[in-house]
C-alpha atoms as a PDB file:
ATOM      1  CA  MET A   1     -10.197 -19.023  10.858  1.00  0.00           C
ATOM      2  CA  LYS A   2     -11.739 -16.859  13.576  1.00  0.00           C
ATOM      3  CA  ASN A   3      -8.459 -16.880  15.534  1.00  0.00           C
ATOM      4  CA  LEU A   4      -6.559 -15.713  12.447  1.00  0.00           C
ATOM      5  CA  GLN A   5      -9.086 -12.929  11.914  1.00  0.00           C
ATOM      6  CA  ILE A   6      -8.727 -11.786  15.527  1.00  0.00           C
ATOM      7  CA  TRP A   7      -4.919 -11.923  15.281  1.00  0.00           C
ATOM      8  CA  LEU A   8      -4.917  -9.890  12.035  1.00  0.00           C
ATOM      9  CA  GLN A   9      -7.315  -7.348  13.562  1.00  0.00           C
ATOM     10  CA  ARG A  10      -5.015  -6.898  16.537  1.00  0.00           C
ATOM     11  CA  ARG A  11      -1.966  -6.442  14.287  1.00  0.00           C
ATOM     12  CA  ALA A  12      -3.844  -3.838  12.230  1.00  0.00           C
ATOM     13  CA  ASP A  13      -4.699  -2.048  15.467  1.00  0.00           C
ATOM     14  CA  ASP A  14      -1.032  -2.272  16.500  1.00  0.00           C
ATOM     15  CA  VAL A  15       0.032  -0.578  13.261  1.00  0.00           C
ATOM     16  CA  ALA A  16      -2.502   2.198  13.870  1.00  0.00           C
ATOM     17  CA  VAL A  17      -1.210   2.659  17.427  1.00  0.00           C
ATOM     18  CA  LEU A  18       2.376   2.866  16.154  1.00  0.00           C
ATOM     19  CA  MET A  19       1.409   5.472  13.555  1.00  0.00           C
ATOM     20  CA  LEU A  20      -0.492   7.553  16.106  1.00  0.00           C
ATOM     21  CA  SER A  21       2.422   7.292  18.540  1.00  0.00           C
ATOM     22  CA  ALA A  22       4.877   8.393  15.860  1.00  0.00           C
ATOM     23  CA  LEU A  23       2.521  11.239  14.953  1.00  0.00           C
ATOM     24  CA  PHE A  24       2.362  12.385  18.571  1.00  0.00           C
ATOM     25  CA  LEU A  25       6.127  12.165  19.094  1.00  0.00           C
ATOM     26  CA  THR A  26       6.776  14.058  15.860  1.00  0.00           C
ATOM     27  CA  PHE A  27       4.316  16.711  16.981  1.00  0.00           C
ATOM     28  CA  VAL A  28       6.108  17.040  20.342  1.00  0.00           C
ATOM     29  CA  VAL A  29       9.460  17.398  18.547  1.00  0.00           C
ATOM     30  CA  GLN A  30       7.911  20.042  16.283  1.00  0.00           C
ATOM     31  CA  ILE A  31       6.495  22.077  19.171  1.00  0.00           C
ATOM     32  CA  THR A  32       9.690  21.768  21.222  1.00  0.00           C
ATOM     33  CA  ALA A  33      11.938  22.797  18.330  1.00  0.00           C
ATOM     34  CA  ARG A  34       9.738  25.726  17.372  1.00  0.00           C
ATOM     35  CA  TYR A  35       8.810  27.188  20.743  1.00  0.00           C
ATOM     36  CA  VAL A  36      11.619  26.111  23.059  1.00  0.00           C
ATOM     37  CA  PHE A  37      14.615  26.364  20.727  1.00  0.00           C
ATOM     38  CA  ASN A  38      13.099  28.813  18.201  1.00  0.00           C
ATOM     39  CA  TYR A  39      14.280  26.477  15.444  1.00  0.00           C
ATOM     40  CA  PRO A  40      11.336  25.221  13.350  1.00  0.00           C
ATOM     41  CA  LEU A  41      11.862  21.897  11.610  1.00  0.00           C
ATOM     42  CA  GLY A  42      10.181  21.480   8.229  1.00  0.00           C
ATOM     43  CA  TRP A  43      10.352  17.709   8.195  1.00  0.00           C
ATOM     44  CA  THR A  44       8.162  17.412  11.300  1.00  0.00           C
ATOM     45  CA  LEU A  45       5.202  19.074   9.616  1.00  0.00           C
ATOM     46  CA  GLU A  46       5.547  16.872   6.555  1.00  0.00           C
ATOM     47  CA  LEU A  47       5.883  13.702   8.617  1.00  0.00           C
ATOM     48  CA  CYS A  48       2.829  14.666  10.704  1.00  0.00           C
ATOM     49  CA  LEU A  49       0.773  15.134   7.542  1.00  0.00           C
ATOM     50  CA  ILE A  50       1.914  11.817   6.065  1.00  0.00           C
ATOM     51  CA  LEU A  51       1.260   9.943   9.301  1.00  0.00           C
ATOM     52  CA  TRP A  52      -2.179  11.531   9.633  1.00  0.00           C
ATOM     53  CA  LEU A  53      -3.104  10.545   6.076  1.00  0.00           C
ATOM     54  CA  TRP A  54      -1.925   6.989   6.599  1.00  0.00           C
ATOM     55  CA  THR A  55      -3.603   6.687  10.011  1.00  0.00           C
ATOM     56  CA  VAL A  56      -6.976   7.844   8.684  1.00  0.00           C
ATOM     57  CA  PHE A  57      -7.026   5.518   5.677  1.00  0.00           C
ATOM     58  CA  TRP A  58      -5.432   2.588   7.537  1.00  0.00           C
ATOM     59  CA  GLY A  59      -7.932   2.948  10.366  1.00  0.00           C
ATOM     60  CA  SER A  60     -10.876   3.198   7.986  1.00  0.00           C
ATOM     61  CA  SER A  61      -9.661   0.174   6.056  1.00  0.00           C
ATOM     62  CA  PHE A  62      -8.738  -2.202   8.850  1.00  0.00           C
ATOM     63  CA  CYS A  63      -9.435  -0.912  12.363  1.00  0.00           C
ATOM     64  CA  LEU A  64     -12.835   0.724  12.632  1.00  0.00           C
ATOM     65  CA  ARG A  65     -15.909  -1.410  12.791  1.00  0.00           C
ATOM     66  CA  HIS A  66     -18.480  -0.081  10.403  1.00  0.00           C
ATOM     67  CA  ASP A  67     -20.853   0.823  13.190  1.00  0.00           C
ATOM     68  CA  GLU A  68     -18.168   3.253  14.389  1.00  0.00           C
ATOM     69  CA  HIS A  69     -18.228   5.294  11.190  1.00  0.00           C
ATOM     70  CA  VAL A  70     -20.289   8.461  11.002  1.00  0.00           C
ATOM     71  CA  ARG A  71     -23.489   7.799   9.100  1.00  0.00           C
ATOM     72  CA  PHE A  72     -26.782   9.443   8.367  1.00  0.00           C
ATOM     73  CA  ASP A  73     -29.318   6.679   8.862  1.00  0.00           C
ATOM     74  CA  MET A  74     -32.454   8.234  10.328  1.00  0.00           C
ATOM     75  CA  ILE A  75     -34.594   7.225   7.346  1.00  0.00           C
ATOM     76  CA  TYR A  76     -32.916   3.827   7.113  1.00  0.00           C
ATOM     77  CA  LEU A  77     -33.751   3.016  10.731  1.00  0.00           C
ATOM     78  CA  ILE A  78     -37.469   3.822  10.454  1.00  0.00           C
ATOM     79  CA  VAL A  79     -38.246   1.693   7.386  1.00  0.00           C
ATOM     80  CA  SER A  80     -39.153  -1.993   7.342  1.00  0.00           C
ATOM     81  CA  SER A  81     -36.590  -4.789   7.285  1.00  0.00           C
ATOM     82  CA  GLY A  82     -37.197  -5.508   3.591  1.00  0.00           C
ATOM     83  CA  THR A  83     -36.695  -1.871   2.656  1.00  0.00           C
ATOM     84  CA  ARG A  84     -33.533  -1.796   4.766  1.00  0.00           C
ATOM     85  CA  ARG A  85     -32.165  -4.735   2.811  1.00  0.00           C
ATOM     86  CA  LYS A  86     -32.891  -2.958  -0.469  1.00  0.00           C
ATOM     87  CA  LEU A  87     -31.333   0.299   0.717  1.00  0.00           C
ATOM     88  CA  ALA A  88     -28.281  -1.562   2.027  1.00  0.00           C
ATOM     89  CA  ALA A  89     -27.885  -3.401  -1.289  1.00  0.00           C
ATOM     90  CA  ILE A  90     -28.239  -0.193  -3.318  1.00  0.00           C
ATOM     91  CA  SER A  91     -25.720   1.594  -1.095  1.00  0.00           C
ATOM     92  CA  ALA A  92     -23.227  -1.268  -1.234  1.00  0.00           C
ATOM     93  CA  LEU A  93     -23.565  -1.570  -4.995  1.00  0.00           C
ATOM     94  CA  ALA A  94     -23.090   2.180  -5.446  1.00  0.00           C
ATOM     95  CA  ILE A  95     -19.919   2.137  -3.336  1.00  0.00           C
ATOM     96  CA  ILE A  96     -18.522  -0.942  -5.098  1.00  0.00           C
ATOM     97  CA  VAL A  97     -19.232   0.389  -8.598  1.00  0.00           C
ATOM     98  CA  THR A  98     -17.858   3.838  -7.786  1.00  0.00           C
ATOM     99  CA  MET A  99     -14.655   2.400  -6.329  1.00  0.00           C
ATOM    100  CA  LEU A 100     -14.219  -0.057  -9.209  1.00  0.00           C
ATOM    101  CA  VAL A 101     -14.736   2.644 -11.831  1.00  0.00           C
ATOM    102  CA  ALA A 102     -12.362   5.040 -10.068  1.00  0.00           C
ATOM    103  CA  PHE A 103      -9.667   2.485  -9.247  1.00  0.00           C
ATOM    104  CA  PRO A 104      -7.824   2.251 -12.609  1.00  0.00           C
ATOM    105  CA  ARG A 105      -7.428   6.013 -12.956  1.00  0.00           C
ATOM    106  CA  THR A 106      -6.552   6.394  -9.301  1.00  0.00           C
ATOM    107  CA  TYR A 107      -3.906   3.693  -9.685  1.00  0.00           C
ATOM    108  CA  ASP A 108      -2.522   5.432 -12.786  1.00  0.00           C
ATOM    109  CA  PHE A 109      -2.312   8.744 -10.944  1.00  0.00           C
ATOM    110  CA  VAL A 110      -0.665   7.252  -7.867  1.00  0.00           C
ATOM    111  CA  SER A 111       1.812   5.447 -10.151  1.00  0.00           C
ATOM    112  CA  PHE A 112       2.519   8.725 -11.943  1.00  0.00           C
ATOM    113  CA  LEU A 113       3.346  10.306  -8.595  1.00  0.00           C
ATOM    114  CA  GLN A 114       6.393   8.013  -8.410  1.00  0.00           C
ATOM    115  CA  ILE A 115       8.347  10.704 -10.282  1.00  0.00           C
ATOM    116  CA  LYS A 116       7.520  13.381  -7.706  1.00  0.00           C
ATOM    117  CA  LYS A 117       8.892  13.529  -4.177  1.00  0.00           C
ATOM    118  CA  SER A 118       7.725  15.238  -1.031  1.00  0.00           C
ATOM    119  CA  GLY A 119       9.266  18.613  -0.344  1.00  0.00           C
ATOM    120  CA  THR A 120      11.376  17.960   2.728  1.00  0.00           C
ATOM    121  CA  LEU A 121      11.645  14.230   3.320  1.00  0.00           C
ATOM    122  CA  ARG A 122      12.020  13.428  -0.403  1.00  0.00           C
ATOM    123  CA  ILE A 123       9.660  10.447  -0.161  1.00  0.00           C
ATOM    124  CA  PRO A 124       8.090   9.510  -3.520  1.00  0.00           C
ATOM    125  CA  LEU A 125       4.494  10.736  -3.472  1.00  0.00           C
ATOM    126  CA  ALA A 126       3.374   7.358  -4.813  1.00  0.00           C
ATOM    127  CA  TYR A 127       4.378   5.785  -1.491  1.00  0.00           C
ATOM    128  CA  ILE A 128       2.545   8.453   0.451  1.00  0.00           C
ATOM    129  CA  PHE A 129      -0.714   8.171  -1.499  1.00  0.00           C
ATOM    130  CA  SER A 130      -0.632   4.391  -2.036  1.00  0.00           C
ATOM    131  CA  ILE A 131      -2.633   3.957   1.166  1.00  0.00           C
ATOM    132  CA  TYR A 132      -5.656   5.319  -0.701  1.00  0.00           C
ATOM    133  CA  LEU A 133      -5.470   2.360  -3.088  1.00  0.00           C
ATOM    134  CA  VAL A 134      -5.463   0.039  -0.072  1.00  0.00           C
ATOM    135  CA  PHE A 135      -8.507   1.893   1.267  1.00  0.00           C
ATOM    136  CA  MET A 136     -10.321   1.515  -2.057  1.00  0.00           C
ATOM    137  CA  LEU A 137      -9.640  -2.238  -2.248  1.00  0.00           C
ATOM    138  CA  SER A 138     -10.665  -2.683   1.369  1.00  0.00           C
ATOM    139  CA  SER A 139     -13.930  -0.814   0.778  1.00  0.00           C
ATOM    140  CA  ILE A 140     -14.684  -2.943  -2.282  1.00  0.00           C
ATOM    141  CA  ALA A 141     -14.043  -6.126  -0.280  1.00  0.00           C
ATOM    142  CA  ILE A 142     -16.061  -5.039   2.759  1.00  0.00           C
ATOM    143  CA  TYR A 143     -19.101  -3.921   0.797  1.00  0.00           C
ATOM    144  CA  GLY A 144     -18.763  -6.855  -1.601  1.00  0.00           C
ATOM    145  CA  ARG A 145     -18.940  -9.206   1.364  1.00  0.00           C
ATOM    146  CA  GLY A 146     -21.968  -7.349   2.687  1.00  0.00           C
ATOM    147  CA  LEU A 147     -23.678  -7.455  -0.698  1.00  0.00           C
ATOM    148  CA  LEU A 148     -22.995 -11.191  -0.932  1.00  0.00           C
ATOM    149  CA  ARG A 149     -24.552 -11.679   2.501  1.00  0.00           C
ATOM    150  CA  LEU A 150     -27.624  -9.748   1.373  1.00  0.00           C
ATOM    151  CA  TRP A 151     -27.800 -11.759  -1.849  1.00  0.00           C
ATOM    152  CA  ARG A 152     -27.706 -15.025   0.129  1.00  0.00           C
ATOM    153  CA  GLY A 153     -30.543 -13.767   2.316  1.00  0.00           C
ATOM    154  CA  GLN A 154     -28.474 -13.808   5.486  1.00  0.00           C
ATOM    155  CA  GLU A 155     -29.632 -11.694   8.359  1.00  0.00           C
ATOM    156  CA  LEU A 156     -28.322  -8.188   8.561  1.00  0.00           C
ATOM    157  CA  SER A 157     -26.182  -7.496  11.566  1.00  0.00           C
ATOM    158  CA  ASP A 158     -27.007  -4.549  13.802  1.00  0.00           C
ATOM    159  CA  PRO A 159     -29.651  -2.650  11.793  1.00  0.00           C
ATOM    160  CA  GLY A 160     -27.757   0.580  12.290  1.00  0.00           C
ATOM    161  CA  ALA A 161     -24.331  -0.781  11.396  1.00  0.00           C
ATOM    162  CA  ALA A 162     -23.137   0.570   8.058  1.00  0.00           C
ATOM    163  CA  GLY A 163     -26.594   0.350   6.696  1.00  0.00           C
ATOM    164  CA  GLY A 164     -26.791  -3.046   8.366  1.00  0.00           C
ATOM    165  CA  ILE A 165     -24.523  -4.501   5.726  1.00  0.00           C
ATOM    166  CA  VAL A 166     -21.687  -5.950   7.781  1.00  0.00           C
END
């Protein structure tokens, strides 16, 4: 099971690397076309924006460890272990409930975007914004797992990591 998890993590990282590479190459094409040939290409800007959106949500969903996210935990780190567990549980529950409540309407909106297409590349907007649904489901799973660990009384990992929940 651990080997499968490591393999999947590496493939998720590979996808992120490919997206960042494509973003960089598209950016180079954009700069070259605009400033060397004085012929701006509209599709490069749109592709850069799409790749950036996908890279951010893909990375947040599958690549970043939760201790690598920006967090404001000064108060969390100075309280006792029991209080940390309570704060971590409250935070996880708030994230899970918020994502679960928002998911149906977000799904409806993303589905509605199927009828609209991007300006230059003509990609259905539902495909572009579907990564946010993946991010929501990933967040629910990650914080659900953390909440389950807290419920079972398992030790929190690094006290500073995502509120110590993962």
